[in-house]
Amino acid sequence: KTGTVKKLTANADYNYMWFNPITGKITEQGTFKTSAAGTWDIPEKATC
């Protein structure tokens, strides 16, 4: 479980990148659009 990011710009396009600090590798990249309240529900992550 990860949670929700708040206080982002409402209805805005953002990019995201998951980075594994142990292996030093980017594991996933993508884009998302924030809600009208400026929030984003973060997808679940790996267990490390």
All heavy atoms as atom14 arrays in JSON, in Angstrom:
{
  "sequence": "KTGTVKKLTANADYNYMWFNPITGKITEQGTFKTSAAGTWDIPEKATC",
  "atom14_mask": [
    [1, 1, 1, 1, 1, 1, 1, 1, 1, 0, 0, 0, 0, 0],
    [1, 1, 1, 1, 1, 1, 1, 0, 0, 0, 0, 0, 0, 0],
    [1, 1, 1, 1, 0, 0, 0, 0, 0, 0, 0, 0, 0, 0],
    [1, 1, 1, 1, 1, 1, 1, 0, 0, 0, 0, 0, 0, 0],
    [1, 1, 1, 1, 1, 1, 1, 0, 0, 0, 0, 0, 0, 0],
    [1, 1, 1, 1, 1, 1, 1, 1, 1, 0, 0, 0, 0, 0],
    [1, 1, 1, 1, 1, 1, 1, 1, 1, 0, 0, 0, 0, 0],
    [1, 1, 1, 1, 1, 1, 1, 1, 0, 0, 0, 0, 0, 0],
    [1, 1, 1, 1, 1, 1, 1, 0, 0, 0, 0, 0, 0, 0],
    [1, 1, 1, 1, 1, 0, 0, 0, 0, 0, 0, 0, 0, 0],
    [1, 1, 1, 1, 1, 1, 1, 1, 0, 0, 0, 0, 0, 0],
    [1, 1, 1, 1, 1, 0, 0, 0, 0, 0, 0, 0, 0, 0],
    [1, 1, 1, 1, 1, 1, 1, 1, 0, 0, 0, 0, 0, 0],
    [1, 1, 1, 1, 1, 1, 1, 1, 1, 1, 1, 1, 0, 0],
    [1, 1, 1, 1, 1, 1, 1, 1, 0, 0, 0, 0, 0, 0],
    [1, 1, 1, 1, 1, 1, 1, 1, 1, 1, 1, 1, 0, 0],
    [1, 1, 1, 1, 1, 1, 1, 1, 0, 0, 0, 0, 0, 0],
    [1, 1, 1, 1, 1, 1, 1, 1, 1, 1, 1, 1, 1, 1],
    [1, 1, 1, 1, 1, 1, 1, 1, 1, 1, 1, 0, 0, 0],
    [1, 1, 1, 1, 1, 1, 1, 1, 0, 0, 0, 0, 0, 0],
    [1, 1, 1, 1, 1, 1, 1, 0, 0, 0, 0, 0, 0, 0],
    [1, 1, 1, 1, 1, 1, 1, 1, 0, 0, 0, 0, 0, 0],
    [1, 1, 1, 1, 1, 1, 1, 0, 0, 0, 0, 0, 0, 0],
    [1, 1, 1, 1, 0, 0, 0, 0, 0, 0, 0, 0, 0, 0],
    [1, 1, 1, 1, 1, 1, 1, 1, 1, 0, 0, 0, 0, 0],
    [1, 1, 1, 1, 1, 1, 1, 1, 0, 0, 0, 0, 0, 0],
    [1, 1, 1, 1, 1, 1, 1, 0, 0, 0, 0, 0, 0, 0],
    [1, 1, 1, 1, 1, 1, 1, 1, 1, 0, 0, 0, 0, 0],
    [1, 1, 1, 1, 1, 1, 1, 1, 1, 0, 0, 0, 0, 0],
    [1, 1, 1, 1, 0, 0, 0, 0, 0, 0, 0, 0, 0, 0],
    [1, 1, 1, 1, 1, 1, 1, 0, 0, 0, 0, 0, 0, 0],
    [1, 1, 1, 1, 1, 1, 1, 1, 1, 1, 1, 0, 0, 0],
    [1, 1, 1, 1, 1, 1, 1, 1, 1, 0, 0, 0, 0, 0],
    [1, 1, 1, 1, 1, 1, 1, 0, 0, 0, 0, 0, 0, 0],
    [1, 1, 1, 1, 1, 1, 0, 0, 0, 0, 0, 0, 0, 0],
    [1, 1, 1, 1, 1, 0, 0, 0, 0, 0, 0, 0, 0, 0],
    [1, 1, 1, 1, 1, 0, 0, 0, 0, 0, 0, 0, 0, 0],
    [1, 1, 1, 1, 0, 0, 0, 0, 0, 0, 0, 0, 0, 0],
    [1, 1, 1, 1, 1, 1, 1, 0, 0, 0, 0, 0, 0, 0],
    [1, 1, 1, 1, 1, 1, 1, 1, 1, 1, 1, 1, 1, 1],
    [1, 1, 1, 1, 1, 1, 1, 1, 0, 0, 0, 0, 0, 0],
    [1, 1, 1, 1, 1, 1, 1, 1, 0, 0, 0, 0, 0, 0],
    [1, 1, 1, 1, 1, 1, 1, 0, 0, 0, 0, 0, 0, 0],
    [1, 1, 1, 1, 1, 1, 1, 1, 1, 0, 0, 0, 0, 0],
    [1, 1, 1, 1, 1, 1, 1, 1, 1, 0, 0, 0, 0, 0],
    [1, 1, 1, 1, 1, 0, 0, 0, 0, 0, 0, 0, 0, 0],
    [1, 1, 1, 1, 1, 1, 1, 0, 0, 0, 0, 0, 0, 0],
    [1, 1, 1, 1, 1, 1, 0, 0, 0, 0, 0, 0, 0, 0]
  ],
  "atom14_positions": [
    [[0.84, -1.2, 0.0], [0.0, 0.0, 0.0], [0.87, 1.24, 0.0], [1.93, 1.28, 0.62], [-0.92, 0.03, 1.23], [-1.89, -1.14, 1.28], [-2.89, -1.04, 0.18], [-3.88, -2.17, 0.27], [-4.59, -2.43, -0.94], [0.0, 0.0, 0.0], [0.0, 0.0, 0.0], [0.0, 0.0, 0.0], [0.0, 0.0, 0.0], [0.0, 0.0, 0.0]],
    [[0.42, 2.28, -0.67], [1.21, 3.5, -0.8], [0.49, 4.72, -0.25], [0.97, 5.36, 0.64], [1.58, 3.73, -2.27], [0.41, 3.59, -3.05], [2.64, 2.75, -2.73], [0.0, 0.0, 0.0], [0.0, 0.0, 0.0], [0.0, 0.0, 0.0], [0.0, 0.0, 0.0], [0.0, 0.0, 0.0], [0.0, 0.0, 0.0], [0.0, 0.0, 0.0]],
    [[-0.68, 5.05, -0.8], [-1.42, 6.19, -0.3], [-1.8, 7.17, -1.39], [-1.81, 6.84, -2.57], [0.0, 0.0, 0.0], [0.0, 0.0, 0.0], [0.0, 0.0, 0.0], [0.0, 0.0, 0.0], [0.0, 0.0, 0.0], [0.0, 0.0, 0.0], [0.0, 0.0, 0.0], [0.0, 0.0, 0.0], [0.0, 0.0, 0.0], [0.0, 0.0, 0.0]],
    [[-2.09, 8.4, -0.98], [-2.53, 9.45, -1.88], [-1.63, 10.67, -1.73], [-1.35, 11.09, -0.61], [-3.98, 9.86, -1.56], [-4.82, 8.71, -1.69], [-4.49, 10.94, -2.49], [0.0, 0.0, 0.0], [0.0, 0.0, 0.0], [0.0, 0.0, 0.0], [0.0, 0.0, 0.0], [0.0, 0.0, 0.0], [0.0, 0.0, 0.0], [0.0, 0.0, 0.0]],
    [[-1.18, 11.22, -2.85], [-0.43, 12.46, -2.83], [-1.43, 13.6, -2.93], [-2.32, 13.58, -3.78], [0.56, 12.55, -4.01], [1.32, 13.85, -3.99], [1.52, 11.38, -3.99], [0.0, 0.0, 0.0], [0.0, 0.0, 0.0], [0.0, 0.0, 0.0], [0.0, 0.0, 0.0], [0.0, 0.0, 0.0], [0.0, 0.0, 0.0], [0.0, 0.0, 0.0]],
    [[-1.27, 14.6, -2.06], [-2.17, 15.75, -2.04], [-1.4, 17.02, -2.36], [-0.18, 17.01, -2.42], [-2.82, 15.88, -0.66], [-3.64, 14.66, -0.28], [-4.18, 14.78, 1.12], [-4.98, 13.53, 1.47], [-5.46, 13.56, 2.85], [0.0, 0.0, 0.0], [0.0, 0.0, 0.0], [0.0, 0.0, 0.0], [0.0, 0.0, 0.0], [0.0, 0.0, 0.0]],
    [[-2.13, 18.09, -2.58], [-1.57, 19.43, -2.83], [-0.79, 19.51, -4.13], [0.14, 20.29, -4.26], [-0.73, 19.9, -1.65], [-1.55, 20.06, -0.38], [-0.74, 20.7, 0.71], [-1.61, 20.87, 1.96], [-0.89, 21.5, 3.05], [0.0, 0.0, 0.0], [0.0, 0.0, 0.0], [0.0, 0.0, 0.0], [0.0, 0.0, 0.0], [0.0, 0.0, 0.0]],
    [[-1.15, 18.67, -5.12], [-0.6, 18.81, -6.46], [-1.49, 19.8, -7.21], [-2.55, 20.18, -6.73], [-0.61, 17.45, -7.18], [0.26, 16.35, -6.56], [0.02, 15.02, -7.26], [1.72, 16.73, -6.62], [0.0, 0.0, 0.0], [0.0, 0.0, 0.0], [0.0, 0.0, 0.0], [0.0, 0.0, 0.0], [0.0, 0.0, 0.0], [0.0, 0.0, 0.0]],
    [[-1.07, 20.21, -8.39], [-1.88, 21.11, -9.2], [-3.12, 20.36, -9.68], [-3.02, 19.24, -10.18], [-1.07, 21.62, -10.4], [0.13, 22.22, -9.92], [-1.87, 22.63, -11.21], [0.0, 0.0, 0.0], [0.0, 0.0, 0.0], [0.0, 0.0, 0.0], [0.0, 0.0, 0.0], [0.0, 0.0, 0.0], [0.0, 0.0, 0.0], [0.0, 0.0, 0.0]],
    [[-4.29, 20.96, -9.51], [-5.55, 20.31, -9.9], [-5.63, 20.11, -11.41], [-5.2, 20.96, -12.19], [-6.73, 21.16, -9.43], [0.0, 0.0, 0.0], [0.0, 0.0, 0.0], [0.0, 0.0, 0.0], [0.0, 0.0, 0.0], [0.0, 0.0, 0.0], [0.0, 0.0, 0.0], [0.0, 0.0, 0.0], [0.0, 0.0, 0.0], [0.0, 0.0, 0.0]],
    [[-6.17, 18.96, -11.81], [-6.39, 18.62, -13.22], [-5.14, 18.81, -14.08], [-5.23, 19.27, -15.21], [-7.55, 19.43, -13.8], [-8.85, 19.16, -13.08], [-9.23, 18.01, -12.87], [-9.53, 20.22, -12.67], [0.0, 0.0, 0.0], [0.0, 0.0, 0.0], [0.0, 0.0, 0.0], [0.0, 0.0, 0.0], [0.0, 0.0, 0.0], [0.0, 0.0, 0.0]],
    [[-4.0, 18.46, -13.55], [-2.73, 18.66, -14.25], [-2.13, 17.32, -14.66], [-2.35, 16.3, -14.02], [-1.76, 19.41, -13.37], [0.0, 0.0, 0.0], [0.0, 0.0, 0.0], [0.0, 0.0, 0.0], [0.0, 0.0, 0.0], [0.0, 0.0, 0.0], [0.0, 0.0, 0.0], [0.0, 0.0, 0.0], [0.0, 0.0, 0.0], [0.0, 0.0, 0.0]],
    [[-1.36, 17.36, -15.73], [-0.64, 16.17, -16.19], [0.72, 16.12, -15.51], [1.44, 17.13, -15.46], [-0.44, 16.22, -17.7], [-1.76, 16.08, -18.45], [-2.61, 15.29, -18.01], [-1.93, 16.78, -19.47], [0.0, 0.0, 0.0], [0.0, 0.0, 0.0], [0.0, 0.0, 0.0], [0.0, 0.0, 0.0], [0.0, 0.0, 0.0], [0.0, 0.0, 0.0]],
    [[1.05, 14.96, -14.97], [2.33, 14.73, -14.31], [2.96, 13.47, -14.88], [2.28, 12.62, -15.44], [2.14, 14.51, -12.8], [1.98, 15.77, -11.98], [0.75, 16.4, -11.87], [3.06, 16.3, -11.28], [0.59, 17.54, -11.08], [2.91, 17.44, -10.5], [1.69, 18.05, -10.4], [1.54, 19.17, -9.62], [0.0, 0.0, 0.0], [0.0, 0.0, 0.0]],
    [[4.26, 13.35, -14.69], [5.01, 12.14, -15.0], [5.41, 11.5, -13.68], [5.51, 12.19, -12.66], [6.28, 12.48, -15.77], [5.98, 13.21, -17.05], [5.39, 12.66, -17.96], [6.36, 14.47, -17.11], [0.0, 0.0, 0.0], [0.0, 0.0, 0.0], [0.0, 0.0, 0.0], [0.0, 0.0, 0.0], [0.0, 0.0, 0.0], [0.0, 0.0, 0.0]],
    [[5.66, 10.21, -13.71], [6.16, 9.55, -12.52], [7.2, 8.51, -12.9], [7.25, 8.05, -14.04], [5.05, 8.89, -11.69], [4.46, 7.65, -12.32], [5.02, 6.4, -12.09], [3.36, 7.73, -13.15], [4.49, 5.27, -12.66], [2.82, 6.6, -13.73], [3.38, 5.37, -13.48], [2.86, 4.25, -14.06], [0.0, 0.0, 0.0], [0.0, 0.0, 0.0]],
    [[8.06, 8.2, -11.94], [9.11, 7.22, -12.15], [9.34, 6.49, -10.83], [9.53, 7.13, -9.79], [10.39, 7.91, -12.6], [11.57, 7.02, -12.76], [13.04, 7.9, -13.37], [13.32, 9.08, -12.07], [0.0, 0.0, 0.0], [0.0, 0.0, 0.0], [0.0, 0.0, 0.0], [0.0, 0.0, 0.0], [0.0, 0.0, 0.0], [0.0, 0.0, 0.0]],
    [[9.29, 5.15, -10.87], [9.66, 4.34, -9.71], [11.13, 3.97, -9.87], [11.56, 3.49, -10.92], [8.84, 3.06, -9.64], [7.45, 3.22, -9.14], [6.3, 3.18, -9.87], [7.04, 3.41, -7.78], [5.21, 3.35, -9.06], [5.63, 3.5, -7.77], [7.73, 3.54, -6.57], [4.9, 3.69, -6.59], [7.0, 3.74, -5.41], [5.6, 3.8, -5.43]],
    [[11.9, 4.17, -8.81], [13.33, 3.89, -8.81], [13.66, 2.98, -7.64], [13.21, 3.24, -6.52], [14.09, 5.22, -8.68], [15.57, 5.07, -8.51], [16.38, 4.8, -9.61], [16.17, 5.21, -7.27], [17.75, 4.66, -9.46], [17.54, 5.08, -7.11], [18.34, 4.8, -8.22], [0.0, 0.0, 0.0], [0.0, 0.0, 0.0], [0.0, 0.0, 0.0]],
    [[14.4, 1.93, -7.9], [14.82, 1.02, -6.84], [16.19, 1.47, -6.34], [17.19, 1.33, -7.06], [14.89, -0.42, -7.36], [15.22, -1.41, -6.28], [16.0, -1.15, -5.38], [14.62, -2.59, -6.37], [0.0, 0.0, 0.0], [0.0, 0.0, 0.0], [0.0, 0.0, 0.0], [0.0, 0.0, 0.0], [0.0, 0.0, 0.0], [0.0, 0.0, 0.0]],
    [[16.29, 2.02, -5.13], [17.57, 2.53, -4.64], [18.57, 1.42, -4.3], [19.76, 1.69, -4.15], [17.19, 3.32, -3.39], [15.94, 2.66, -2.91], [15.22, 2.21, -4.14], [0.0, 0.0, 0.0], [0.0, 0.0, 0.0], [0.0, 0.0, 0.0], [0.0, 0.0, 0.0], [0.0, 0.0, 0.0], [0.0, 0.0, 0.0], [0.0, 0.0, 0.0]],
    [[18.12, 0.2, -4.21], [19.01, -0.91, -3.89], [19.73, -1.4, -5.15], [20.93, -1.62, -5.15], [18.22, -2.05, -3.23], [17.66, -1.54, -1.89], [19.09, -3.29, -3.02], [16.55, -2.36, -1.33], [0.0, 0.0, 0.0], [0.0, 0.0, 0.0], [0.0, 0.0, 0.0], [0.0, 0.0, 0.0], [0.0, 0.0, 0.0], [0.0, 0.0, 0.0]],
    [[18.98, -1.53, -6.24], [19.58, -2.0, -7.5], [20.06, -0.84, -8.37], [20.82, -1.05, -9.3], [18.56, -2.82, -8.31], [17.47, -1.97, -8.68], [18.06, -4.01, -7.52], [0.0, 0.0, 0.0], [0.0, 0.0, 0.0], [0.0, 0.0, 0.0], [0.0, 0.0, 0.0], [0.0, 0.0, 0.0], [0.0, 0.0, 0.0], [0.0, 0.0, 0.0]],
    [[19.57, 0.37, -8.09], [19.94, 1.54, -8.9], [19.22, 1.59, -10.23], [19.64, 2.29, -11.15], [0.0, 0.0, 0.0], [0.0, 0.0, 0.0], [0.0, 0.0, 0.0], [0.0, 0.0, 0.0], [0.0, 0.0, 0.0], [0.0, 0.0, 0.0], [0.0, 0.0, 0.0], [0.0, 0.0, 0.0], [0.0, 0.0, 0.0], [0.0, 0.0, 0.0]],
    [[18.09, 0.89, -10.35], [17.38, 0.82, -11.64], [16.0, 1.46, -11.56], [15.32, 1.39, -10.53], [17.23, -0.63, -12.07], [18.56, -1.28, -12.32], [18.38, -2.64, -12.93], [19.7, -3.36, -12.95], [20.44, -3.42, -14.07], [0.0, 0.0, 0.0], [0.0, 0.0, 0.0], [0.0, 0.0, 0.0], [0.0, 0.0, 0.0], [0.0, 0.0, 0.0]],
    [[15.6, 2.06, -12.67], [14.23, 2.55, -12.82], [13.38, 1.34, -13.13], [13.69, 0.55, -14.03], [14.14, 3.58, -13.96], [14.94, 4.83, -13.62], [12.69, 3.93, -14.26], [15.13, 5.79, -14.76], [0.0, 0.0, 0.0], [0.0, 0.0, 0.0], [0.0, 0.0, 0.0], [0.0, 0.0, 0.0], [0.0, 0.0, 0.0], [0.0, 0.0, 0.0]],
    [[12.29, 1.15, -12.37], [11.47, -0.05, -12.56], [10.19, 0.23, -13.33], [9.61, -0.69, -13.89], [11.11, -0.69, -11.21], [10.38, 0.26, -10.43], [12.36, -1.11, -10.46], [0.0, 0.0, 0.0], [0.0, 0.0, 0.0], [0.0, 0.0, 0.0], [0.0, 0.0, 0.0], [0.0, 0.0, 0.0], [0.0, 0.0, 0.0], [0.0, 0.0, 0.0]],
    [[9.76, 1.48, -13.35], [8.52, 1.82, -14.07], [8.47, 3.33, -14.28], [8.92, 4.1, -13.45], [7.31, 1.38, -13.25], [5.98, 1.61, -13.91], [4.8, 1.2, -13.04], [4.97, 0.33, -12.16], [3.72, 1.76, -13.23], [0.0, 0.0, 0.0], [0.0, 0.0, 0.0], [0.0, 0.0, 0.0], [0.0, 0.0, 0.0], [0.0, 0.0, 0.0]],
    [[7.89, 3.74, -15.42], [7.67, 5.16, -15.72], [6.3, 5.31, -16.35], [5.8, 4.38, -16.98], [8.72, 5.68, -16.7], [10.13, 5.63, -16.17], [11.1, 6.2, -17.17], [11.12, 7.41, -17.38], [11.91, 5.34, -17.78], [0.0, 0.0, 0.0], [0.0, 0.0, 0.0], [0.0, 0.0, 0.0], [0.0, 0.0, 0.0], [0.0, 0.0, 0.0]],
    [[5.69, 6.48, -16.19], [4.39, 6.71, -16.81], [3.9, 8.12, -16.56], [4.66, 8.99, -16.13], [0.0, 0.0, 0.0], [0.0, 0.0, 0.0], [0.0, 0.0, 0.0], [0.0, 0.0, 0.0], [0.0, 0.0, 0.0], [0.0, 0.0, 0.0], [0.0, 0.0, 0.0], [0.0, 0.0, 0.0], [0.0, 0.0, 0.0], [0.0, 0.0, 0.0]],
    [[2.64, 8.32, -16.85], [2.01, 9.63, -16.67], [0.68, 9.43, -15.95], [0.13, 8.34, -15.93], [1.75, 10.33, -18.01], [0.89, 9.51, -18.8], [3.05, 10.59, -18.77], [0.0, 0.0, 0.0], [0.0, 0.0, 0.0], [0.0, 0.0, 0.0], [0.0, 0.0, 0.0], [0.0, 0.0, 0.0], [0.0, 0.0, 0.0], [0.0, 0.0, 0.0]],
    [[0.19, 10.52, -15.37], [-1.12, 10.51, -14.74], [-1.68, 11.92, -14.74], [-0.95, 12.88, -14.94], [-1.06, 9.94, -13.32], [-0.29, 10.8, -12.34], [-0.94, 11.76, -11.58], [1.08, 10.62, -12.18], [-0.23, 12.54, -10.68], [1.79, 11.39, -11.28], [1.13, 12.35, -10.53], [0.0, 0.0, 0.0], [0.0, 0.0, 0.0], [0.0, 0.0, 0.0]],
    [[-2.98, 12.03, -14.53], [-3.64, 13.33, -14.41], [-4.22, 13.4, -13.01], [-4.86, 12.47, -12.53], [-4.76, 13.47, -15.45], [-5.36, 14.86, -15.48], [-6.34, 14.99, -16.65], [-6.75, 16.42, -16.82], [-6.09, 17.08, -17.92], [0.0, 0.0, 0.0], [0.0, 0.0, 0.0], [0.0, 0.0, 0.0], [0.0, 0.0, 0.0], [0.0, 0.0, 0.0]],
    [[-3.97, 14.53, -12.34], [-4.48, 14.7, -10.98], [-5.98, 14.93, -10.99], [-6.56, 15.3, -12.0], [-3.79, 15.88, -10.27], [-4.03, 17.06, -11.03], [-2.29, 15.64, -10.12], [0.0, 0.0, 0.0], [0.0, 0.0, 0.0], [0.0, 0.0, 0.0], [0.0, 0.0, 0.0], [0.0, 0.0, 0.0], [0.0, 0.0, 0.0], [0.0, 0.0, 0.0]],
    [[-6.58, 14.74, -9.84], [-8.03, 14.98, -9.69], [-8.31, 16.48, -9.62], [-7.38, 17.29, -9.54], [-8.53, 14.31, -8.41], [-8.03, 15.01, -7.29], [0.0, 0.0, 0.0], [0.0, 0.0, 0.0], [0.0, 0.0, 0.0], [0.0, 0.0, 0.0], [0.0, 0.0, 0.0], [0.0, 0.0, 0.0], [0.0, 0.0, 0.0], [0.0, 0.0, 0.0]],
    [[-9.57, 16.83, -9.59], [-9.97, 18.23, -9.46], [-9.53, 18.8, -8.11], [-9.37, 20.02, -7.96], [-11.49, 18.36, -9.62], [0.0, 0.0, 0.0], [0.0, 0.0, 0.0], [0.0, 0.0, 0.0], [0.0, 0.0, 0.0], [0.0, 0.0, 0.0], [0.0, 0.0, 0.0], [0.0, 0.0, 0.0], [0.0, 0.0, 0.0], [0.0, 0.0, 0.0]],
    [[-9.29, 17.92, -7.15], [-8.81, 18.36, -5.83], [-7.28, 18.4, -5.76], [-6.72, 18.73, -4.71], [-9.36, 17.43, -4.76], [0.0, 0.0, 0.0], [0.0, 0.0, 0.0], [0.0, 0.0, 0.0], [0.0, 0.0, 0.0], [0.0, 0.0, 0.0], [0.0, 0.0, 0.0], [0.0, 0.0, 0.0], [0.0, 0.0, 0.0], [0.0, 0.0, 0.0]],
    [[-6.6, 18.04, -6.85], [-5.14, 18.04, -6.86], [-4.52, 16.85, -6.15], [-3.46, 16.96, -5.56], [0.0, 0.0, 0.0], [0.0, 0.0, 0.0], [0.0, 0.0, 0.0], [0.0, 0.0, 0.0], [0.0, 0.0, 0.0], [0.0, 0.0, 0.0], [0.0, 0.0, 0.0], [0.0, 0.0, 0.0], [0.0, 0.0, 0.0], [0.0, 0.0, 0.0]],
    [[-5.19, 15.7, -6.24], [-4.68, 14.49, -5.59], [-4.4, 13.4, -6.62], [-4.89, 13.46, -7.75], [-5.69, 13.94, -4.56], [-6.88, 13.54, -5.23], [-6.0, 14.97, -3.49], [0.0, 0.0, 0.0], [0.0, 0.0, 0.0], [0.0, 0.0, 0.0], [0.0, 0.0, 0.0], [0.0, 0.0, 0.0], [0.0, 0.0, 0.0], [0.0, 0.0, 0.0]],
    [[-3.62, 12.41, -6.2], [-3.35, 11.24, -7.03], [-3.18, 10.04, -6.12], [-2.4, 10.05, -5.18], [-2.08, 11.43, -7.86], [-1.7, 10.25, -8.7], [-2.5, 9.56, -9.58], [-0.43, 9.6, -8.76], [-1.8, 8.54, -10.17], [-0.52, 8.54, -9.69], [0.79, 9.82, -8.11], [0.54, 7.71, -9.99], [1.85, 8.98, -8.42], [1.73, 7.94, -9.35]],
    [[-3.95, 8.98, -6.39], [-3.83, 7.72, -5.65], [-2.67, 6.94, -6.26], [-2.75, 6.5, -7.41], [-5.12, 6.91, -5.73], [-6.27, 7.58, -5.0], [-6.02, 8.26, -3.98], [-7.42, 7.43, -5.44], [0.0, 0.0, 0.0], [0.0, 0.0, 0.0], [0.0, 0.0, 0.0], [0.0, 0.0, 0.0], [0.0, 0.0, 0.0], [0.0, 0.0, 0.0]],
    [[-1.62, 6.78, -5.5], [-0.42, 6.11, -5.98], [-0.69, 4.62, -6.12], [-1.23, 4.0, -5.21], [0.75, 6.31, -5.0], [0.97, 7.8, -4.74], [2.02, 5.66, -5.52], [1.92, 8.07, -3.57], [0.0, 0.0, 0.0], [0.0, 0.0, 0.0], [0.0, 0.0, 0.0], [0.0, 0.0, 0.0], [0.0, 0.0, 0.0], [0.0, 0.0, 0.0]],
    [[-0.3, 4.02, -7.26], [-0.46, 2.56, -7.4], [0.38, 1.84, -6.36], [1.36, 2.38, -5.84], [0.07, 2.28, -8.8], [0.16, 3.58, -9.49], [0.28, 4.63, -8.44], [0.0, 0.0, 0.0], [0.0, 0.0, 0.0], [0.0, 0.0, 0.0], [0.0, 0.0, 0.0], [0.0, 0.0, 0.0], [0.0, 0.0, 0.0], [0.0, 0.0, 0.0]],
    [[0.03, 0.6, -6.07], [0.81, -0.19, -5.12], [2.23, -0.37, -5.63], [2.49, -0.28, -6.83], [0.13, -1.54, -4.89], [-1.18, -1.39, -4.16], [-1.78, -2.72, -3.75], [-1.22, -3.78, -4.08], [-2.81, -2.69, -3.07], [0.0, 0.0, 0.0], [0.0, 0.0, 0.0], [0.0, 0.0, 0.0], [0.0, 0.0, 0.0], [0.0, 0.0, 0.0]],
    [[3.15, -0.61, -4.71], [4.56, -0.72, -5.06], [5.1, -2.09, -4.68], [4.41, -2.89, -4.06], [5.36, 0.36, -4.35], [5.38, 0.16, -2.85], [6.42, 1.05, -2.21], [6.58, 0.71, -0.75], [7.17, -0.58, -0.49], [0.0, 0.0, 0.0], [0.0, 0.0, 0.0], [0.0, 0.0, 0.0], [0.0, 0.0, 0.0], [0.0, 0.0, 0.0]],
    [[6.35, -2.31, -5.03], [7.03, -3.55, -4.67], [7.23, -3.6, -3.16], [7.13, -2.58, -2.48], [8.38, -3.61, -5.38], [0.0, 0.0, 0.0], [0.0, 0.0, 0.0], [0.0, 0.0, 0.0], [0.0, 0.0, 0.0], [0.0, 0.0, 0.0], [0.0, 0.0, 0.0], [0.0, 0.0, 0.0], [0.0, 0.0, 0.0], [0.0, 0.0, 0.0]],
    [[7.56, -4.76, -2.64], [7.72, -4.91, -1.19], [9.16, -4.67, -0.73], [9.59, -5.2, 0.28], [7.26, -6.31, -0.74], [8.01, -7.28, -1.45], [5.78, -6.49, -0.95], [0.0, 0.0, 0.0], [0.0, 0.0, 0.0], [0.0, 0.0, 0.0], [0.0, 0.0, 0.0], [0.0, 0.0, 0.0], [0.0, 0.0, 0.0], [0.0, 0.0, 0.0]],
    [[9.89, -3.87, -1.47], [11.23, -3.47, -1.04], [11.31, -1.95, -1.1], [10.37, -1.3, -1.56], [12.31, -4.11, -1.91], [12.27, -3.57, -3.62], [0.0, 0.0, 0.0], [0.0, 0.0, 0.0], [0.0, 0.0, 0.0], [0.0, 0.0, 0.0], [0.0, 0.0, 0.0], [0.0, 0.0, 0.0], [0.0, 0.0, 0.0], [0.0, 0.0, 0.0]]
  ]
}
